[in-house]
Amino acid sequence: MSNKNRRFCGTTVALITPFTPDFSVDEKRLRRLVDWQVEQGTDVILACGTTGESATLSHEEHRFVIQVIIDQVKGRVPVLAGAGSNSTAEAISLTEFASQAGADGILSVAPYYNKPIQKGLYEHFKAIAGSTPLPVILYNVPGRTACNIAPETTLKLAEIPNIIGIKEASGNFSQIMNILQYRPDDFLLLSGDDSLTLPLMALGAEGIISVVANETPALLHEMVHAVFAGQWNKAQSLHYKLLPLMEFNFCESSPFPVKAACAMMGLIEDVVRLPLVPMSDIHRDKMFNLLRELNQV
């Protein structure tokens, strides 16, 4: 694994975007979240991923959140900028902005809604990679995009020098193992599902782009780095300790369970934007109890 790619290994938090009660971006709490994540040991911060509610940010807000996070990180950890779109031209525009703003890499999701064929996916990501000197990490999440990046397409894209990895959230172990078996030596595979992190790392994955890291960054970092150290019993113990919360974060559509949890922890206001709504009352007691068991409240 090349040193330039190794910096994206470990735990990446898909950082939530805090809002004020009037639904504007809460810059003050966003900066506090960045500092807390760095202090807790998170290896990489992702700005404007799905968990950051990128779908409901205006283009101006999207750029603002990326810029604030880069500014607050101050080079302490790498920053990935979510810069995907179902319009190739729009994805290139966001990618160019992130490059100029000082991001360390780009996370680019498969085009949603359009349902392109594999050739279209290849040409889409090739065009994005050609628009930036930054490393690009693909993001495959067919449950949200209605479009799967086939392993053959991923491996072909891996031949492009600055496409350095993929966040795999297909949940398809056969597909993921195919990529792991035949990828170039310096091509990263990062889990896109918290609960699958340990088994995928056992197969060769290099880490996780995570939801649960918003709530338990230190514990997740400890688990992932226990794997790097070959401490499998410790990693397994931490996996099962975190698993109930990992799963409960999806009791309703993410990210409103994790935002409710972070509000309980005093990190943010419990505000999401329509069409998302705050987590149902029927789930709140269980969420609080899970956080209490992990000493997060």
C-alpha atoms as a PDB file:
ATOM      1  CA  MET A   1       0.000   0.000   0.000  1.00  0.00           C
ATOM      2  CA  SER A   2       1.516   3.352  -1.056  1.00  0.00           C
ATOM      3  CA  ASN A   3       1.973   5.964   1.665  1.00  0.00           C
ATOM      4  CA  LYS A   4      -0.263   8.456  -0.143  1.00  0.00           C
ATOM      5  CA  ASN A   5      -3.145   5.962  -0.110  1.00  0.00           C
ATOM      6  CA  ARG A   6      -2.439   4.686   3.396  1.00  0.00           C
ATOM      7  CA  ARG A   7      -3.583   7.999   4.880  1.00  0.00           C
ATOM      8  CA  PHE A   8      -7.159   7.125   3.926  1.00  0.00           C
ATOM      9  CA  CYS A   9      -7.072   3.810   5.840  1.00  0.00           C
ATOM     10  CA  GLY A  10      -8.657   3.353   9.258  1.00  0.00           C
ATOM     11  CA  THR A  11     -11.760   5.173  10.465  1.00  0.00           C
ATOM     12  CA  THR A  12     -13.394   7.878   8.391  1.00  0.00           C
ATOM     13  CA  VAL A  13     -16.379   9.595   9.968  1.00  0.00           C
ATOM     14  CA  ALA A  14     -19.167  10.487   7.546  1.00  0.00           C
ATOM     15  CA  LEU A  15     -19.713  13.664   9.519  1.00  0.00           C
ATOM     16  CA  ILE A  16     -23.251  14.845  10.242  1.00  0.00           C
ATOM     17  CA  THR A  17     -24.124  18.411   9.262  1.00  0.00           C
ATOM     18  CA  PRO A  18     -25.634  20.189  12.290  1.00  0.00           C
ATOM     19  CA  PHE A  19     -28.511  22.596  11.708  1.00  0.00           C
ATOM     20  CA  THR A  20     -29.952  25.340  13.865  1.00  0.00           C
ATOM     21  CA  PRO A  21     -33.688  25.286  14.739  1.00  0.00           C
ATOM     22  CA  ASP A  22     -34.332  27.495  11.685  1.00  0.00           C
ATOM     23  CA  PHE A  23     -32.686  24.794   9.480  1.00  0.00           C
ATOM     24  CA  SER A  24     -29.559  26.765   8.578  1.00  0.00           C
ATOM     25  CA  VAL A  25     -26.102  25.198   8.834  1.00  0.00           C
ATOM     26  CA  ASP A  26     -24.830  25.464  12.421  1.00  0.00           C
ATOM     27  CA  GLU A  27     -21.237  26.532  11.798  1.00  0.00           C
ATOM     28  CA  LYS A  28     -20.335  26.803  15.481  1.00  0.00           C
ATOM     29  CA  ARG A  29     -21.379  23.229  16.278  1.00  0.00           C
ATOM     30  CA  LEU A  30     -19.861  21.948  13.017  1.00  0.00           C
ATOM     31  CA  ARG A  31     -16.469  23.308  14.058  1.00  0.00           C
ATOM     32  CA  ARG A  32     -16.862  21.741  17.518  1.00  0.00           C
ATOM     33  CA  LEU A  33     -17.708  18.384  15.937  1.00  0.00           C
ATOM     34  CA  VAL A  34     -14.549  18.538  13.828  1.00  0.00           C
ATOM     35  CA  ASP A  35     -12.375  19.232  16.878  1.00  0.00           C
ATOM     36  CA  TRP A  36     -14.040  16.450  18.886  1.00  0.00           C
ATOM     37  CA  GLN A  37     -13.530  13.924  16.086  1.00  0.00           C
ATOM     38  CA  VAL A  38      -9.847  14.772  15.816  1.00  0.00           C
ATOM     39  CA  GLU A  39      -9.432  14.586  19.606  1.00  0.00           C
ATOM     40  CA  GLN A  40     -11.161  11.178  19.683  1.00  0.00           C
ATOM     41  CA  GLY A  41      -8.707   9.705  17.180  1.00  0.00           C
ATOM     42  CA  THR A  42     -10.722   9.613  13.952  1.00  0.00           C
ATOM     43  CA  ASP A  43      -8.321   9.103  11.046  1.00  0.00           C
ATOM     44  CA  VAL A  44     -10.194  10.924   8.260  1.00  0.00           C
ATOM     45  CA  ILE A  45     -13.199  13.284   8.105  1.00  0.00           C
ATOM     46  CA  LEU A  46     -15.707  13.097   5.268  1.00  0.00           C
ATOM     47  CA  ALA A  47     -17.608  16.300   4.510  1.00  0.00           C
ATOM     48  CA  CYS A  48     -21.016  16.188   2.831  1.00  0.00           C
ATOM     49  CA  GLY A  49     -21.602  12.467   2.563  1.00  0.00           C
ATOM     50  CA  THR A  50     -25.057  10.907   2.785  1.00  0.00           C
ATOM     51  CA  THR A  51     -24.875  11.157   6.590  1.00  0.00           C
ATOM     52  CA  GLY A  52     -24.093  14.846   6.170  1.00  0.00           C
ATOM     53  CA  GLU A  53     -27.455  15.301   4.417  1.00  0.00           C
ATOM     54  CA  SER A  54     -25.793  16.381   1.202  1.00  0.00           C
ATOM     55  CA  ALA A  55     -29.029  15.720  -0.672  1.00  0.00           C
ATOM     56  CA  THR A  56     -30.753  18.645   1.048  1.00  0.00           C
ATOM     57  CA  LEU A  57     -27.854  21.103   1.040  1.00  0.00           C
ATOM     58  CA  SER A  58     -27.906  23.816  -1.592  1.00  0.00           C
ATOM     59  CA  HIS A  59     -24.824  24.019  -3.808  1.00  0.00           C
ATOM     60  CA  GLU A  60     -23.718  27.071  -1.837  1.00  0.00           C
ATOM     61  CA  GLU A  61     -24.187  25.265   1.497  1.00  0.00           C
ATOM     62  CA  HIS A  62     -22.414  22.163   0.186  1.00  0.00           C
ATOM     63  CA  ARG A  63     -19.369  24.247  -0.668  1.00  0.00           C
ATOM     64  CA  PHE A  64     -19.605  26.138   2.625  1.00  0.00           C
ATOM     65  CA  VAL A  65     -19.608  22.944   4.730  1.00  0.00           C
ATOM     66  CA  ILE A  66     -16.606  21.548   2.849  1.00  0.00           C
ATOM     67  CA  GLN A  67     -14.721  24.824   3.343  1.00  0.00           C
ATOM     68  CA  VAL A  68     -15.555  25.072   7.069  1.00  0.00           C
ATOM     69  CA  ILE A  69     -14.423  21.502   7.744  1.00  0.00           C
ATOM     70  CA  ILE A  70     -11.146  21.970   5.855  1.00  0.00           C
ATOM     71  CA  ASP A  71     -10.555  25.237   7.697  1.00  0.00           C
ATOM     72  CA  GLN A  72     -11.266  23.720  11.116  1.00  0.00           C
ATOM     73  CA  VAL A  73      -9.234  20.551  10.561  1.00  0.00           C
ATOM     74  CA  LYS A  74      -6.140  22.670   9.878  1.00  0.00           C
ATOM     75  CA  GLY A  75      -4.278  19.749   8.349  1.00  0.00           C
ATOM     76  CA  ARG A  76      -4.536  17.543  11.444  1.00  0.00           C
ATOM     77  CA  VAL A  77      -6.220  14.702   9.542  1.00  0.00           C
ATOM     78  CA  PRO A  78      -7.099  14.213   5.866  1.00  0.00           C
ATOM     79  CA  VAL A  79     -10.428  15.587   4.642  1.00  0.00           C
ATOM     80  CA  LEU A  80     -12.493  13.770   2.036  1.00  0.00           C
ATOM     81  CA  ALA A  81     -15.068  15.903   0.248  1.00  0.00           C
ATOM     82  CA  GLY A  82     -18.294  14.340  -0.893  1.00  0.00           C
ATOM     83  CA  ALA A  83     -18.575  15.628  -4.457  1.00  0.00           C
ATOM     84  CA  GLY A  84     -20.858  13.219  -6.275  1.00  0.00           C
ATOM     85  CA  SER A  85     -23.934  13.860  -8.372  1.00  0.00           C
ATOM     86  CA  ASN A  86     -26.131  12.138 -10.921  1.00  0.00           C
ATOM     87  CA  SER A  87     -25.011  14.872 -13.322  1.00  0.00           C
ATOM     88  CA  THR A  88     -21.420  14.343 -14.422  1.00  0.00           C
ATOM     89  CA  ALA A  89     -20.967  18.066 -15.079  1.00  0.00           C
ATOM     90  CA  GLU A  90     -22.241  18.922 -11.590  1.00  0.00           C
ATOM     91  CA  ALA A  91     -19.980  16.303  -9.992  1.00  0.00           C
ATOM     92  CA  ILE A  92     -17.006  17.768 -11.840  1.00  0.00           C
ATOM     93  CA  SER A  93     -17.935  21.265 -10.657  1.00  0.00           C
ATOM     94  CA  LEU A  94     -18.093  20.124  -7.010  1.00  0.00           C
ATOM     95  CA  THR A  95     -14.863  18.183  -7.444  1.00  0.00           C
ATOM     96  CA  GLU A  96     -13.062  21.210  -8.846  1.00  0.00           C
ATOM     97  CA  PHE A  97     -14.282  23.320  -5.928  1.00  0.00           C
ATOM     98  CA  ALA A  98     -13.101  20.752  -3.371  1.00  0.00           C
ATOM     99  CA  SER A  99      -9.704  20.616  -5.067  1.00  0.00           C
ATOM    100  CA  GLN A 100      -9.346  24.403  -4.880  1.00  0.00           C
ATOM    101  CA  ALA A 101     -10.625  24.498  -1.286  1.00  0.00           C
ATOM    102  CA  GLY A 102      -7.838  22.227  -0.081  1.00  0.00           C
ATOM    103  CA  ALA A 103      -9.520  18.831   0.298  1.00  0.00           C
ATOM    104  CA  ASP A 104      -7.199  15.836   0.436  1.00  0.00           C
ATOM    105  CA  GLY A 105      -9.447  13.562  -1.612  1.00  0.00           C
ATOM    106  CA  ILE A 106     -12.848  13.142  -3.210  1.00  0.00           C
ATOM    107  CA  LEU A 107     -15.639  10.673  -2.457  1.00  0.00           C
ATOM    108  CA  SER A 108     -17.813  10.261  -5.543  1.00  0.00           C
ATOM    109  CA  VAL A 109     -21.085   8.358  -5.317  1.00  0.00           C
ATOM    110  CA  ALA A 110     -22.539   6.359  -8.194  1.00  0.00           C
ATOM    111  CA  PRO A 111     -25.075   8.423 -10.162  1.00  0.00           C
ATOM    112  CA  TYR A 112     -28.485   8.015  -8.571  1.00  0.00           C
ATOM    113  CA  TYR A 113     -31.879   7.873 -10.307  1.00  0.00           C
ATOM    114  CA  ASN A 114     -30.422   7.857 -13.863  1.00  0.00           C
ATOM    115  CA  LYS A 115     -29.561   4.120 -13.688  1.00  0.00           C
ATOM    116  CA  PRO A 116     -26.670   4.238 -16.197  1.00  0.00           C
ATOM    117  CA  ILE A 117     -25.231   1.053 -17.716  1.00  0.00           C
ATOM    118  CA  GLN A 118     -21.701  -0.008 -16.711  1.00  0.00           C
ATOM    119  CA  LYS A 119     -20.095   1.851 -19.638  1.00  0.00           C
ATOM    120  CA  GLY A 120     -21.850   5.016 -18.480  1.00  0.00           C
ATOM    121  CA  LEU A 121     -20.568   4.509 -14.943  1.00  0.00           C
ATOM    122  CA  TYR A 122     -17.031   4.016 -16.243  1.00  0.00           C
ATOM    123  CA  GLU A 123     -17.133   7.155 -18.378  1.00  0.00           C
ATOM    124  CA  HIS A 124     -18.725   9.171 -15.531  1.00  0.00           C
ATOM    125  CA  PHE A 125     -15.976   8.352 -13.031  1.00  0.00           C
ATOM    126  CA  LYS A 126     -13.223   8.603 -15.660  1.00  0.00           C
ATOM    127  CA  ALA A 127     -14.365  12.154 -16.444  1.00  0.00           C
ATOM    128  CA  ILE A 128     -14.419  13.092 -12.745  1.00  0.00           C
ATOM    129  CA  ALA A 129     -10.941  11.649 -12.154  1.00  0.00           C
ATOM    130  CA  GLY A 130      -9.669  13.553 -15.185  1.00  0.00           C
ATOM    131  CA  SER A 131     -10.936  16.840 -13.745  1.00  0.00           C
ATOM    132  CA  THR A 132      -8.812  16.771 -10.585  1.00  0.00           C
ATOM    133  CA  PRO A 133      -5.297  15.962  -9.385  1.00  0.00           C
ATOM    134  CA  LEU A 134      -6.790  14.692  -6.116  1.00  0.00           C
ATOM    135  CA  PRO A 135      -7.264  11.005  -5.254  1.00  0.00           C
ATOM    136  CA  VAL A 136     -10.810   9.823  -5.912  1.00  0.00           C
ATOM    137  CA  ILE A 137     -12.647   7.161  -3.906  1.00  0.00           C
ATOM    138  CA  LEU A 138     -15.714   5.624  -5.547  1.00  0.00           C
ATOM    139  CA  TYR A 139     -18.868   5.071  -3.512  1.00  0.00           C
ATOM    140  CA  ASN A 140     -21.106   2.121  -4.343  1.00  0.00           C
ATOM    141  CA  VAL A 141     -24.433   2.130  -2.473  1.00  0.00           C
ATOM    142  CA  PRO A 142     -27.034   0.513  -4.742  1.00  0.00           C
ATOM    143  CA  GLY A 143     -29.698   0.559  -2.025  1.00  0.00           C
ATOM    144  CA  ARG A 144     -29.797   4.352  -2.365  1.00  0.00           C
ATOM    145  CA  THR A 145     -28.759   4.879  -5.983  1.00  0.00           C
ATOM    146  CA  ALA A 146     -30.618   2.017  -7.731  1.00  0.00           C
ATOM    147  CA  CYS A 147     -27.349   1.471  -9.574  1.00  0.00           C
ATOM    148  CA  ASN A 148     -24.604  -1.063  -8.751  1.00  0.00           C
ATOM    149  CA  ILE A 149     -20.985  -0.559  -9.771  1.00  0.00           C
ATOM    150  CA  ALA A 150     -20.092  -4.072 -10.961  1.00  0.00           C
ATOM    151  CA  PRO A 151     -16.759  -5.447  -9.758  1.00  0.00           C
ATOM    152  CA  GLU A 152     -15.489  -5.582 -13.335  1.00  0.00           C
ATOM    153  CA  THR A 153     -16.178  -1.856 -13.671  1.00  0.00           C
ATOM    154  CA  THR A 154     -14.512  -1.096 -10.331  1.00  0.00           C
ATOM    155  CA  LEU A 155     -11.401  -3.039 -11.360  1.00  0.00           C
ATOM    156  CA  LYS A 156     -11.267  -1.248 -14.706  1.00  0.00           C
ATOM    157  CA  LEU A 157     -11.606   2.118 -12.949  1.00  0.00           C
ATOM    158  CA  ALA A 158      -8.832   1.063 -10.548  1.00  0.00           C
ATOM    159  CA  GLU A 159      -6.439   1.277 -13.508  1.00  0.00           C
ATOM    160  CA  ILE A 160      -6.920   5.063 -13.584  1.00  0.00           C
ATOM    161  CA  PRO A 161      -4.014   6.401 -11.467  1.00  0.00           C
ATOM    162  CA  ASN A 162      -5.927   8.784  -9.196  1.00  0.00           C
ATOM    163  CA  ILE A 163      -8.909   6.475  -8.581  1.00  0.00           C
ATOM    164  CA  ILE A 164      -7.456   4.958  -5.434  1.00  0.00           C
ATOM    165  CA  GLY A 165     -10.291   3.040  -3.796  1.00  0.00           C
ATOM    166  CA  ILE A 166     -13.957   2.315  -3.268  1.00  0.00           C
ATOM    167  CA  LYS A 167     -16.391   2.608  -0.399  1.00  0.00           C
ATOM    168  CA  GLU A 168     -18.416  -0.581  -0.803  1.00  0.00           C
ATOM    169  CA  ALA A 169     -21.909  -0.505   0.680  1.00  0.00           C
ATOM    170  CA  SER A 170     -23.520  -3.097  -1.550  1.00  0.00           C
ATOM    171  CA  GLY A 171     -23.519  -5.719   1.217  1.00  0.00           C
ATOM    172  CA  ASN A 172     -22.658  -8.249  -1.495  1.00  0.00           C
ATOM    173  CA  PHE A 173     -19.787 -10.298  -0.085  1.00  0.00           C
ATOM    174  CA  SER A 174     -19.206 -12.142  -3.356  1.00  0.00           C
ATOM    175  CA  GLN A 175     -18.817  -8.864  -5.220  1.00  0.00           C
ATOM    176  CA  ILE A 176     -16.594  -7.362  -2.542  1.00  0.00           C
ATOM    177  CA  MET A 177     -14.344 -10.437  -2.416  1.00  0.00           C
ATOM    178  CA  ASN A 178     -13.988 -10.283  -6.189  1.00  0.00           C
ATOM    179  CA  ILE A 179     -12.658  -6.736  -5.890  1.00  0.00           C
ATOM    180  CA  LEU A 180     -10.368  -7.644  -2.989  1.00  0.00           C
ATOM    181  CA  GLN A 181      -8.931 -10.635  -4.833  1.00  0.00           C
ATOM    182  CA  TYR A 182      -8.165  -8.906  -8.131  1.00  0.00           C
ATOM    183  CA  ARG A 183      -7.562  -5.235  -7.220  1.00  0.00           C
ATOM    184  CA  PRO A 184      -4.179  -3.541  -7.715  1.00  0.00           C
ATOM    185  CA  ASP A 185      -1.951  -3.625  -4.634  1.00  0.00           C
ATOM    186  CA  ASP A 186      -2.506   0.040  -3.774  1.00  0.00           C
ATOM    187  CA  PHE A 187      -6.291   0.134  -4.360  1.00  0.00           C
ATOM    188  CA  LEU A 188      -8.262   0.626  -1.137  1.00  0.00           C
ATOM    189  CA  LEU A 189     -11.489  -1.089  -0.217  1.00  0.00           C
ATOM    190  CA  LEU A 190     -13.350   0.605   2.623  1.00  0.00           C
ATOM    191  CA  SER A 191     -16.480  -0.788   4.227  1.00  0.00           C
ATOM    192  CA  GLY A 192     -19.607   1.287   3.745  1.00  0.00           C
ATOM    193  CA  ASP A 193     -21.534  -0.578   6.455  1.00  0.00           C
ATOM    194  CA  ASP A 194     -20.468  -0.275  10.093  1.00  0.00           C
ATOM    195  CA  SER A 195     -21.680  -3.739  11.033  1.00  0.00           C
ATOM    196  CA  LEU A 196     -19.645  -5.358   8.221  1.00  0.00           C
ATOM    197  CA  THR A 197     -16.375  -3.592   9.025  1.00  0.00           C
ATOM    198  CA  LEU A 198     -14.759  -6.412  10.989  1.00  0.00           C
ATOM    199  CA  PRO A 199     -15.637  -9.245   8.584  1.00  0.00           C
ATOM    200  CA  LEU A 200     -14.583  -7.161   5.586  1.00  0.00           C
ATOM    201  CA  MET A 201     -11.285  -6.241   7.252  1.00  0.00           C
ATOM    202  CA  ALA A 202     -10.735  -9.949   7.890  1.00  0.00           C
ATOM    203  CA  LEU A 203     -11.005 -10.355   4.114  1.00  0.00           C
ATOM    204  CA  GLY A 204      -8.551  -7.528   3.444  1.00  0.00           C
ATOM    205  CA  ALA A 205     -10.447  -4.229   3.598  1.00  0.00           C
ATOM    206  CA  GLU A 206      -8.540  -1.258   4.992  1.00  0.00           C
ATOM    207  CA  GLY A 207     -11.177   0.423   7.152  1.00  0.00           C
ATOM    208  CA  ILE A 208     -14.603   2.035   7.232  1.00  0.00           C
ATOM    209  CA  ILE A 209     -16.409   5.213   6.187  1.00  0.00           C
ATOM    210  CA  SER A 210     -18.697   5.258   9.161  1.00  0.00           C
ATOM    211  CA  VAL A 211     -21.986   6.472  10.617  1.00  0.00           C
ATOM    212  CA  VAL A 212     -21.395   5.184  14.166  1.00  0.00           C
ATOM    213  CA  ALA A 213     -18.137   7.155  14.353  1.00  0.00           C
ATOM    214  CA  ASN A 214     -20.340  10.216  14.887  1.00  0.00           C
ATOM    215  CA  GLU A 215     -21.335   8.755  18.282  1.00  0.00           C
ATOM    216  CA  THR A 216     -18.416   6.499  19.308  1.00  0.00           C
ATOM    217  CA  PRO A 217     -15.334   7.642  17.386  1.00  0.00           C
ATOM    218  CA  ALA A 218     -12.787   6.434  19.936  1.00  0.00           C
ATOM    219  CA  LEU A 219     -14.282   2.937  20.279  1.00  0.00           C
ATOM    220  CA  LEU A 220     -14.529   2.436  16.528  1.00  0.00           C
ATOM    221  CA  HIS A 221     -10.967   3.680  16.053  1.00  0.00           C
ATOM    222  CA  GLU A 222      -9.827   1.234  18.737  1.00  0.00           C
ATOM    223  CA  MET A 223     -11.581  -1.660  16.984  1.00  0.00           C
ATOM    224  CA  VAL A 224     -10.169  -0.912  13.546  1.00  0.00           C
ATOM    225  CA  HIS A 225      -6.637  -0.363  14.820  1.00  0.00           C
ATOM    226  CA  ALA A 226      -6.843  -3.561  16.846  1.00  0.00           C
ATOM    227  CA  VAL A 227      -7.245  -5.325  13.483  1.00  0.00           C
ATOM    228  CA  PHE A 228      -4.196  -3.509  12.106  1.00  0.00           C
ATOM    229  CA  ALA A 229      -2.271  -4.714  15.169  1.00  0.00           C
ATOM    230  CA  GLY A 230      -3.449  -8.308  14.722  1.00  0.00           C
ATOM    231  CA  GLN A 231      -5.411  -8.164  17.996  1.00  0.00           C
ATOM    232  CA  TRP A 232      -8.394 -10.098  16.698  1.00  0.00           C
ATOM    233  CA  ASN A 233      -9.928 -11.021  20.057  1.00  0.00           C
ATOM    234  CA  LYS A 234      -9.947  -7.364  21.095  1.00  0.00           C
ATOM    235  CA  ALA A 235     -11.404  -6.317  17.741  1.00  0.00           C
ATOM    236  CA  GLN A 236     -14.136  -8.955  17.977  1.00  0.00           C
ATOM    237  CA  SER A 237     -15.046  -7.871  21.503  1.00  0.00           C
ATOM    238  CA  LEU A 238     -15.340  -4.239  20.417  1.00  0.00           C
ATOM    239  CA  HIS A 239     -17.336  -5.231  17.335  1.00  0.00           C
ATOM    240  CA  TYR A 240     -19.981  -6.959  19.439  1.00  0.00           C
ATOM    241  CA  LYS A 241     -19.956  -4.090  21.921  1.00  0.00           C
ATOM    242  CA  LEU A 242     -20.737  -1.600  19.152  1.00  0.00           C
ATOM    243  CA  LEU A 243     -22.994  -3.819  17.032  1.00  0.00           C
ATOM    244  CA  PRO A 244     -26.341  -2.965  18.719  1.00  0.00           C
ATOM    245  CA  LEU A 245     -25.750   0.760  18.150  1.00  0.00           C
ATOM    246  CA  MET A 246     -24.432   0.171  14.620  1.00  0.00           C
ATOM    247  CA  GLU A 247     -27.660  -1.621  13.770  1.00  0.00           C
ATOM    248  CA  PHE A 248     -29.994   0.732  15.646  1.00  0.00           C
ATOM    249  CA  ASN A 249     -28.627   3.693  13.708  1.00  0.00           C
ATOM    250  CA  PHE A 250     -30.742   2.305  10.874  1.00  0.00           C
ATOM    251  CA  CYS A 251     -33.961   1.670  12.825  1.00  0.00           C
ATOM    252  CA  GLU A 252     -35.242   4.537  10.685  1.00  0.00           C
ATOM    253  CA  SER A 253     -33.715   6.195   7.638  1.00  0.00           C
ATOM    254  CA  SER A 254     -30.194   7.418   8.340  1.00  0.00           C
ATOM    255  CA  PRO A 255     -29.092   9.985   9.390  1.00  0.00           C
ATOM    256  CA  PHE A 256     -31.922  10.966  11.711  1.00  0.00           C
ATOM    257  CA  PRO A 257     -31.272   8.230  14.309  1.00  0.00           C
ATOM    258  CA  VAL A 258     -27.595   9.218  14.549  1.00  0.00           C
ATOM    259  CA  LYS A 259     -28.530  12.908  14.715  1.00  0.00           C
ATOM    260  CA  ALA A 260     -30.970  12.158  17.529  1.00  0.00           C
ATOM    261  CA  ALA A 261     -28.184  10.290  19.330  1.00  0.00           C
ATOM    262  CA  CYS A 262     -25.732  13.156  18.904  1.00  0.00           C
ATOM    263  CA  ALA A 263     -28.365  15.555  20.242  1.00  0.00           C
ATOM    264  CA  MET A 264     -28.755  13.320  23.315  1.00  0.00           C
ATOM    265  CA  MET A 265     -24.978  13.580  23.724  1.00  0.00           C
ATOM    266  CA  GLY A 266     -25.212  17.365  23.660  1.00  0.00           C
ATOM    267  CA  LEU A 267     -23.249  17.704  20.423  1.00  0.00           C
ATOM    268  CA  ILE A 268     -25.926  19.192  18.152  1.00  0.00           C
ATOM    269  CA  GLU A 269     -29.549  20.306  17.941  1.00  0.00           C
ATOM    270  CA  ASP A 270     -31.916  17.502  16.909  1.00  0.00           C
ATOM    271  CA  VAL A 271     -32.765  19.022  13.525  1.00  0.00           C
ATOM    272  CA  VAL A 272     -33.007  17.400  10.091  1.00  0.00           C
ATOM    273  CA  ARG A 273     -34.386  18.811   6.859  1.00  0.00           C
ATOM    274  CA  LEU A 274     -37.468  17.606   5.039  1.00  0.00           C
ATOM    275  CA  PRO A 275     -38.191  15.119   3.625  1.00  0.00           C
ATOM    276  CA  LEU A 276     -36.378  13.653   6.635  1.00  0.00           C
ATOM    277  CA  VAL A 277     -38.051  14.035  10.013  1.00  0.00           C
ATOM    278  CA  PRO A 278     -36.709  13.602  13.564  1.00  0.00           C
ATOM    279  CA  MET A 279     -36.530  10.075  14.959  1.00  0.00           C
ATOM    280  CA  SER A 280     -39.812   8.676  16.261  1.00  0.00           C
ATOM    281  CA  ASP A 281     -40.477   8.837  19.990  1.00  0.00           C
ATOM    282  CA  ILE A 282     -40.897   5.038  20.134  1.00  0.00           C
ATOM    283  CA  HIS A 283     -37.166   4.611  19.411  1.00  0.00           C
ATOM    284  CA  ARG A 284     -35.727   7.317  21.642  1.00  0.00           C
ATOM    285  CA  ASP A 285     -35.578   5.408  24.932  1.00  0.00           C
ATOM    286  CA  LYS A 286     -33.721   2.533  23.323  1.00  0.00           C
ATOM    287  CA  MET A 287     -31.262   4.878  21.643  1.00  0.00           C
ATOM    288  CA  PHE A 288     -30.561   6.626  24.937  1.00  0.00           C
ATOM    289  CA  ASN A 289     -30.022   3.276  26.696  1.00  0.00           C
ATOM    290  CA  LEU A 290     -27.603   2.112  23.998  1.00  0.00           C
ATOM    291  CA  LEU A 291     -25.591   5.306  24.374  1.00  0.00           C
ATOM    292  CA  ARG A 292     -25.614   4.963  28.160  1.00  0.00           C
ATOM    293  CA  GLU A 293     -24.292   1.394  27.935  1.00  0.00           C
ATOM    294  CA  LEU A 294     -21.385   2.776  25.895  1.00  0.00           C
ATOM    295  CA  ASN A 295     -20.820   5.644  28.352  1.00  0.00           C
ATOM    296  CA  GLN A 296     -21.670   8.256  25.719  1.00  0.00           C
ATOM    297  CA  VAL A 297     -24.365   9.972  27.839  1.00  0.00           C
END
